[in-house]
Structure formats: C-alpha cells, structure tokens
C-alpha atoms as a PDB file:
ATOM      1  CA  UNK A   1     -18.008   2.479  -5.896  1.00  0.00           C
ATOM      2  CA  UNK A   2     -17.075  -1.154  -5.507  1.00  0.00           C
ATOM      3  CA  UNK A   3     -13.702  -1.300  -3.648  1.00  0.00           C
ATOM      4  CA  UNK A   4     -10.928  -3.055  -5.411  1.00  0.00           C
ATOM      5  CA  UNK A   5     -10.257  -5.854  -2.777  1.00  0.00           C
ATOM      6  CA  UNK A   6      -8.509  -9.007  -3.264  1.00  0.00           C
ATOM      7  CA  UNK A   7     -10.593 -12.178  -3.427  1.00  0.00           C
ATOM      8  CA  UNK A   8     -11.130 -14.791  -0.738  1.00  0.00           C
ATOM      9  CA  UNK A   9      -9.458 -17.193  -3.181  1.00  0.00           C
ATOM     10  CA  UNK A  10      -6.264 -15.085  -3.336  1.00  0.00           C
ATOM     11  CA  UNK A  11      -6.102 -14.680   0.473  1.00  0.00           C
ATOM     12  CA  UNK A  12      -6.733 -18.335   1.260  1.00  0.00           C
ATOM     13  CA  UNK A  13      -3.942 -19.421  -1.035  1.00  0.00           C
ATOM     14  CA  UNK A  14      -1.431 -16.589  -0.186  1.00  0.00           C
ATOM     15  CA  UNK A  15       1.671 -17.415   1.881  1.00  0.00           C
ATOM     16  CA  UNK A  16       2.693 -14.638   4.408  1.00  0.00           C
ATOM     17  CA  UNK A  17       6.157 -14.124   5.881  1.00  0.00           C
ATOM     18  CA  UNK A  18       7.560 -12.973   9.163  1.00  0.00           C
ATOM     19  CA  UNK A  19       8.476  -9.313   9.469  1.00  0.00           C
ATOM     20  CA  UNK A  20      11.984  -8.075   9.061  1.00  0.00           C
ATOM     21  CA  UNK A  21      13.455  -6.249  12.099  1.00  0.00           C
ATOM     22  CA  UNK A  22      14.115  -2.874  10.472  1.00  0.00           C
ATOM     23  CA  UNK A  23      11.100  -0.647   9.877  1.00  0.00           C
ATOM     24  CA  UNK A  24      10.814  -0.927   6.031  1.00  0.00           C
ATOM     25  CA  UNK A  25       8.501   0.697   3.573  1.00  0.00           C
ATOM     26  CA  UNK A  26       7.167  -0.884   0.415  1.00  0.00           C
ATOM     27  CA  UNK A  27       5.613   0.625  -2.772  1.00  0.00           C
ATOM     28  CA  UNK A  28       3.855  -1.841  -5.026  1.00  0.00           C
ATOM     29  CA  UNK A  29       3.676  -0.651  -8.603  1.00  0.00           C
ATOM     30  CA  UNK A  30       5.679   0.792 -11.370  1.00  0.00           C
ATOM     31  CA  UNK A  31       8.042   3.576 -10.535  1.00  0.00           C
ATOM     32  CA  UNK A  32       8.394   4.917 -14.063  1.00  0.00           C
ATOM     33  CA  UNK A  33       8.635   8.639 -14.899  1.00  0.00           C
ATOM     34  CA  UNK A  34       5.653   9.890 -16.731  1.00  0.00           C
ATOM     35  CA  UNK A  35       4.032   6.378 -16.470  1.00  0.00           C
ATOM     36  CA  UNK A  36       0.538   7.658 -15.820  1.00  0.00           C
ATOM     37  CA  UNK A  37      -0.755  11.015 -14.773  1.00  0.00           C
ATOM     38  CA  UNK A  38      -3.031   9.682 -11.992  1.00  0.00           C
ATOM     39  CA  UNK A  39      -0.148   7.656 -10.509  1.00  0.00           C
ATOM     40  CA  UNK A  40       2.373  10.378 -10.378  1.00  0.00           C
ATOM     41  CA  UNK A  41       4.972   9.466  -7.792  1.00  0.00           C
ATOM     42  CA  UNK A  42       7.730  11.641  -9.302  1.00  0.00           C
ATOM     43  CA  UNK A  43      10.379  12.179  -6.654  1.00  0.00           C
ATOM     44  CA  UNK A  44       9.196   9.505  -4.286  1.00  0.00           C
ATOM     45  CA  UNK A  45      12.198   7.039  -4.789  1.00  0.00           C
ATOM     46  CA  UNK A  46      14.630   9.952  -4.700  1.00  0.00           C
ATOM     47  CA  UNK A  47      13.065  11.199  -1.436  1.00  0.00           C
ATOM     48  CA  UNK A  48      13.738   7.779   0.180  1.00  0.00           C
ATOM     49  CA  UNK A  49      17.340   7.960  -1.064  1.00  0.00           C
ATOM     50  CA  UNK A  50      17.735  11.474   0.446  1.00  0.00           C
ATOM     51  CA  UNK A  51      16.326  10.560   3.882  1.00  0.00           C
ATOM     52  CA  UNK A  52      18.234   7.265   3.906  1.00  0.00           C
ATOM     53  CA  UNK A  53      15.374   5.006   4.877  1.00  0.00           C
ATOM     54  CA  UNK A  54      14.738   1.420   3.661  1.00  0.00           C
ATOM     55  CA  UNK A  55      12.340   1.165   0.696  1.00  0.00           C
ATOM     56  CA  UNK A  56      11.431  -1.875  -1.351  1.00  0.00           C
ATOM     57  CA  UNK A  57       9.864  -1.208  -4.762  1.00  0.00           C
ATOM     58  CA  UNK A  58       7.981  -4.135  -6.382  1.00  0.00           C
ATOM     59  CA  UNK A  59       7.432  -3.583 -10.030  1.00  0.00           C
ATOM     60  CA  UNK A  60       8.995  -2.097 -13.129  1.00  0.00           C
ATOM     61  CA  UNK A  61      11.311   0.905 -12.593  1.00  0.00           C
ATOM     62  CA  UNK A  62      13.770   3.230 -14.240  1.00  0.00           C
ATOM     63  CA  UNK A  63      15.574   3.963 -11.100  1.00  0.00           C
ATOM     64  CA  UNK A  64      18.853   2.558  -9.852  1.00  0.00           C
ATOM     65  CA  UNK A  65      19.195   0.953  -6.419  1.00  0.00           C
ATOM     66  CA  UNK A  66      21.021   2.348  -3.498  1.00  0.00           C
ATOM     67  CA  UNK A  67      22.232   1.040  -0.044  1.00  0.00           C
ATOM     68  CA  UNK A  68      18.713   1.514   1.332  1.00  0.00           C
ATOM     69  CA  UNK A  69      16.392   1.320  -1.834  1.00  0.00           C
ATOM     70  CA  UNK A  70      15.879  -1.981  -3.375  1.00  0.00           C
ATOM     71  CA  UNK A  71      13.957  -2.946  -6.520  1.00  0.00           C
ATOM     72  CA  UNK A  72      12.526  -6.449  -6.911  1.00  0.00           C
ATOM     73  CA  UNK A  73      11.260  -6.086 -10.483  1.00  0.00           C
ATOM     74  CA  UNK A  74       8.135  -8.055 -11.358  1.00  0.00           C
ATOM     75  CA  UNK A  75       6.959 -10.667  -8.877  1.00  0.00           C
ATOM     76  CA  UNK A  76       4.244 -13.143  -9.743  1.00  0.00           C
ATOM     77  CA  UNK A  77       0.916 -12.047  -8.283  1.00  0.00           C
ATOM     78  CA  UNK A  78       0.710 -14.719  -5.519  1.00  0.00           C
ATOM     79  CA  UNK A  79       4.281 -14.220  -4.499  1.00  0.00           C
ATOM     80  CA  UNK A  80       3.611 -10.463  -3.933  1.00  0.00           C
ATOM     81  CA  UNK A  81       1.808 -11.383  -0.559  1.00  0.00           C
ATOM     82  CA  UNK A  82       4.893 -13.343   0.573  1.00  0.00           C
ATOM     83  CA  UNK A  83       7.279 -10.582  -0.274  1.00  0.00           C
ATOM     84  CA  UNK A  84       5.334  -7.560   1.013  1.00  0.00           C
ATOM     85  CA  UNK A  85       4.193  -9.213   4.339  1.00  0.00           C
ATOM     86  CA  UNK A  86       7.974  -9.090   5.444  1.00  0.00           C
ATOM     87  CA  UNK A  87       7.706  -5.368   5.751  1.00  0.00           C
ATOM     88  CA  UNK A  88       5.804  -2.826   8.030  1.00  0.00           C
ATOM     89  CA  UNK A  89       4.616   0.018   5.841  1.00  0.00           C
ATOM     90  CA  UNK A  90       2.936   0.276   2.422  1.00  0.00           C
ATOM     91  CA  UNK A  91       2.792   3.715   0.746  1.00  0.00           C
ATOM     92  CA  UNK A  92       0.535   5.102  -2.107  1.00  0.00           C
ATOM     93  CA  UNK A  93       2.512   8.309  -2.895  1.00  0.00           C
ATOM     94  CA  UNK A  94       0.344   9.640  -5.797  1.00  0.00           C
ATOM     95  CA  UNK A  95       0.288  13.367  -6.449  1.00  0.00           C
ATOM     96  CA  UNK A  96      -3.167  15.007  -6.758  1.00  0.00           C
ATOM     97  CA  UNK A  97      -5.202  14.032  -9.840  1.00  0.00           C
ATOM     98  CA  UNK A  98      -8.981  14.438 -10.543  1.00  0.00           C
ATOM     99  CA  UNK A  99      -9.309  10.731 -11.165  1.00  0.00           C
ATOM    100  CA  UNK A 100      -8.504   9.942  -7.477  1.00  0.00           C
ATOM    101  CA  UNK A 101     -12.090  10.602  -6.281  1.00  0.00           C
ATOM    102  CA  UNK A 102     -13.138   7.697  -8.569  1.00  0.00           C
ATOM    103  CA  UNK A 103     -10.480   5.158  -7.874  1.00  0.00           C
ATOM    104  CA  UNK A 104      -9.754   2.606  -5.147  1.00  0.00           C
ATOM    105  CA  UNK A 105      -6.118   1.238  -5.717  1.00  0.00           C
ATOM    106  CA  UNK A 106      -5.874  -2.397  -4.794  1.00  0.00           C
ATOM    107  CA  UNK A 107      -2.435  -1.935  -3.373  1.00  0.00           C
ATOM    108  CA  UNK A 108      -3.840  -0.285  -0.235  1.00  0.00           C
ATOM    109  CA  UNK A 109      -5.892  -3.473   0.458  1.00  0.00           C
ATOM    110  CA  UNK A 110      -3.038  -5.739  -0.343  1.00  0.00           C
ATOM    111  CA  UNK A 111      -0.907  -3.855   2.160  1.00  0.00           C
ATOM    112  CA  UNK A 112      -3.539  -4.316   4.868  1.00  0.00           C
ATOM    113  CA  UNK A 113      -3.858  -8.008   4.218  1.00  0.00           C
ATOM    114  CA  UNK A 114      -0.065  -8.332   4.413  1.00  0.00           C
ATOM    115  CA  UNK A 115      -0.184  -6.705   7.847  1.00  0.00           C
ATOM    116  CA  UNK A 116       1.202  -3.374   7.074  1.00  0.00           C
ATOM    117  CA  UNK A 117       0.483   0.197   8.058  1.00  0.00           C
ATOM    118  CA  UNK A 118      -0.867   1.831   5.060  1.00  0.00           C
ATOM    119  CA  UNK A 119      -0.029   5.527   4.225  1.00  0.00           C
ATOM    120  CA  UNK A 120      -1.711   7.454   1.461  1.00  0.00           C
ATOM    121  CA  UNK A 121      -2.048  10.888   0.183  1.00  0.00           C
ATOM    122  CA  UNK A 122      -5.332  12.780   1.123  1.00  0.00           C
ATOM    123  CA  UNK A 123      -6.625  12.697  -2.433  1.00  0.00           C
ATOM    124  CA  UNK A 124      -7.455   8.880  -2.203  1.00  0.00           C
ATOM    125  CA  UNK A 125     -10.621   9.579  -0.307  1.00  0.00           C
ATOM    126  CA  UNK A 126     -12.099   6.240  -1.169  1.00  0.00           C
ATOM    127  CA  UNK A 127      -9.180   4.400   0.401  1.00  0.00           C
ATOM    128  CA  UNK A 128      -9.348   6.621   3.535  1.00  0.00           C
ATOM    129  CA  UNK A 129     -12.994   6.005   3.833  1.00  0.00           C
ATOM    130  CA  UNK A 130     -12.720   2.241   3.486  1.00  0.00           C
ATOM    131  CA  UNK A 131      -9.929   2.104   6.192  1.00  0.00           C
ATOM    132  CA  UNK A 132     -12.184   3.790   8.707  1.00  0.00           C
ATOM    133  CA  UNK A 133      -9.304   5.718  10.395  1.00  0.00           C
ATOM    134  CA  UNK A 134      -6.777   2.840  10.019  1.00  0.00           C
ATOM    135  CA  UNK A 135      -4.591   4.423   7.511  1.00  0.00           C
ATOM    136  CA  UNK A 136      -2.328   7.314   7.846  1.00  0.00           C
ATOM    137  CA  UNK A 137      -2.260  10.274   5.513  1.00  0.00           C
ATOM    138  CA  UNK A 138       0.646  12.336   4.259  1.00  0.00           C
ATOM    139  CA  UNK A 139       0.104  15.657   2.463  1.00  0.00           C
ATOM    140  CA  UNK A 140       3.585  15.611   0.879  1.00  0.00           C
ATOM    141  CA  UNK A 141       6.687  13.422   0.892  1.00  0.00           C
ATOM    142  CA  UNK A 142       8.337  15.480   3.657  1.00  0.00           C
ATOM    143  CA  UNK A 143       5.426  14.561   6.014  1.00  0.00           C
ATOM    144  CA  UNK A 144       6.490  10.894   5.499  1.00  0.00           C
ATOM    145  CA  UNK A 145       9.812  11.536   7.178  1.00  0.00           C
ATOM    146  CA  UNK A 146       7.989  12.637  10.348  1.00  0.00           C
ATOM    147  CA  UNK A 147       5.640   9.669  10.296  1.00  0.00           C
ATOM    148  CA  UNK A 148       8.558   7.274   9.750  1.00  0.00           C
ATOM    149  CA  UNK A 149      10.634   8.836  12.537  1.00  0.00           C
ATOM    150  CA  UNK A 150       7.577   8.518  15.051  1.00  0.00           C
ATOM    151  CA  UNK A 151       7.100   4.965  13.954  1.00  0.00           C
ATOM    152  CA  UNK A 152      10.661   3.927  14.301  1.00  0.00           C
ATOM    153  CA  UNK A 153      10.697   5.074  17.866  1.00  0.00           C
ATOM    154  CA  UNK A 154       7.733   3.016  18.688  1.00  0.00           C
ATOM    155  CA  UNK A 155       8.079  -0.320  17.067  1.00  0.00           C
ATOM    156  CA  UNK A 156       5.789  -2.134  19.633  1.00  0.00           C
ATOM    157  CA  UNK A 157       2.949   0.103  18.495  1.00  0.00           C
ATOM    158  CA  UNK A 158       3.803  -0.401  14.706  1.00  0.00           C
ATOM    159  CA  UNK A 159       3.644  -4.253  15.086  1.00  0.00           C
ATOM    160  CA  UNK A 160       0.250  -3.858  16.956  1.00  0.00           C
ATOM    161  CA  UNK A 161      -0.984  -1.675  14.231  1.00  0.00           C
ATOM    162  CA  UNK A 162       0.179  -4.095  11.526  1.00  0.00           C
ATOM    163  CA  UNK A 163      -1.672  -6.913  13.273  1.00  0.00           C
ATOM    164  CA  UNK A 164      -4.874  -4.809  13.601  1.00  0.00           C
ATOM    165  CA  UNK A 165      -4.714  -3.821   9.914  1.00  0.00           C
ATOM    166  CA  UNK A 166      -4.461  -7.525   8.965  1.00  0.00           C
ATOM    167  CA  UNK A 167      -7.376  -8.520  11.216  1.00  0.00           C
ATOM    168  CA  UNK A 168      -9.569  -5.731   9.845  1.00  0.00           C
ATOM    169  CA  UNK A 169      -8.569  -6.605   6.258  1.00  0.00           C
ATOM    170  CA  UNK A 170      -9.471 -10.166   6.739  1.00  0.00           C
ATOM    171  CA  UNK A 171     -12.873  -9.186   8.093  1.00  0.00           C
ATOM    172  CA  UNK A 172     -13.663  -6.409   5.644  1.00  0.00           C
ATOM    173  CA  UNK A 173     -11.330  -6.186   2.597  1.00  0.00           C
ATOM    174  CA  UNK A 174     -12.575  -9.300   0.692  1.00  0.00           C
ATOM    175  CA  UNK A 175     -14.183  -8.828  -2.734  1.00  0.00           C
ATOM    176  CA  UNK A 176     -16.750 -11.443  -2.210  1.00  0.00           C
ATOM    177  CA  UNK A 177     -18.345  -9.442   0.548  1.00  0.00           C
ATOM    178  CA  UNK A 178     -19.477  -7.021  -2.195  1.00  0.00           C
ATOM    179  CA  UNK A 179     -20.887  -9.533  -4.713  1.00  0.00           C
ATOM    180  CA  UNK A 180     -24.497  -8.596  -3.758  1.00  0.00           C
ATOM    181  CA  UNK A 181     -23.783  -4.876  -4.107  1.00  0.00           C
ATOM    182  CA  UNK A 182     -22.234  -5.442  -7.520  1.00  0.00           C
ATOM    183  CA  UNK A 183     -25.056  -7.689  -8.579  1.00  0.00           C
ATOM    184  CA  UNK A 184     -27.533  -4.827  -7.638  1.00  0.00           C
ATOM    185  CA  UNK A 185     -25.421  -2.282  -9.535  1.00  0.00           C
ATOM    186  CA  UNK A 186     -25.776  -4.353 -12.714  1.00  0.00           C
ATOM    187  CA  UNK A 187     -29.531  -4.852 -12.198  1.00  0.00           C
ATOM    188  CA  UNK A 188     -29.982  -1.037 -12.053  1.00  0.00           C
ATOM    189  CA  UNK A 189     -28.054  -0.178 -15.135  1.00  0.00           C
END
C-alpha cells in the first residue's frame, strides 16, 4: 500500500501556528450521520460534549456547537495546516469496517505534520504501522477520556510528543519518498 502522505510541495508552502494553551483535540473531516460506512464516527461529537473537553471539528457537520465543541466548517486546503497546528491532538474515531485494512487516511499524516499527538482506533492498522509506535490507540470512545486525562496532567510530555511527531513526519511522511515504490507498482501491473 502507498501511504496517503502530503506532498513536499504542500509542507513547504504550509503555514504553521503556535499551540493554544489548553489541551485541545481536532477531528479533520465531515461529521455527518450516515455519511459513509467506513468513516462511522457516530457518537464521537456527543461524547466530547458529554465529557466537556475541547474539540475542534474541521469540515461539514450536522451537529450544533457547545461551549467546548467548535465547528469551523470548510477551510481551504492549505489553511488547514495553519488551523490544525494550533492544537495538540488529532483523532480518527472510525468504528470498525472491513475497508480499514486497505486504507491509509491522510488526516493521520496531516496531524503529525501539524505537530499533534495522533489517536486512532485499532482497526486502522496501516496508520499504526506507519507511525511505528508514535500514535496512540483507543478501542472505544471511553478510552479516549482516560488518554486525555493522562495527557492533561502531563503537558510537558504532550508538547515533547507533538514536536517528535512533527520531526518524524517531516522525515518520513512525505509522498515523494514513495515515488519509486509507486513507479514500480505501475510497472508490475
């Protein structure tokens, strides 16, 4: 599988922001009920409202905001880097689907380039493999509360992990690094 990394062109032209002081989580993508079976995040936004934690959702939604949950709507592609890099955690909350063994959602790699801790469900095995132990795994939304509680009590460690993820991404999560692999795949078809 060819990982769905951003290009060097994107990263070189992106603008990155300073982090906000509060531990804040981001979800990049549509939060629409029944949007797509392999992107089932049903209950994710409501879970954040229930645990009263800051969440920023970037993309289309049917949800209403609350004191702690904010929706940006659509943001132009290159501006996504500027917005996301303000925050500490990026989550891919998809419920299990058979397609996950074949996919590599680019949002995980965007999170890393933005200097974020990336949290995924265990079904995204390709992402977990690419991160080489640098992403966190939650089995269910309730696990996320425990992860966030632990992180909030240790912000120095979170900031260091964010920096390490950005460094790792800049060295490894660049599409051009896989151009020869892609070229060989086409030759063998």
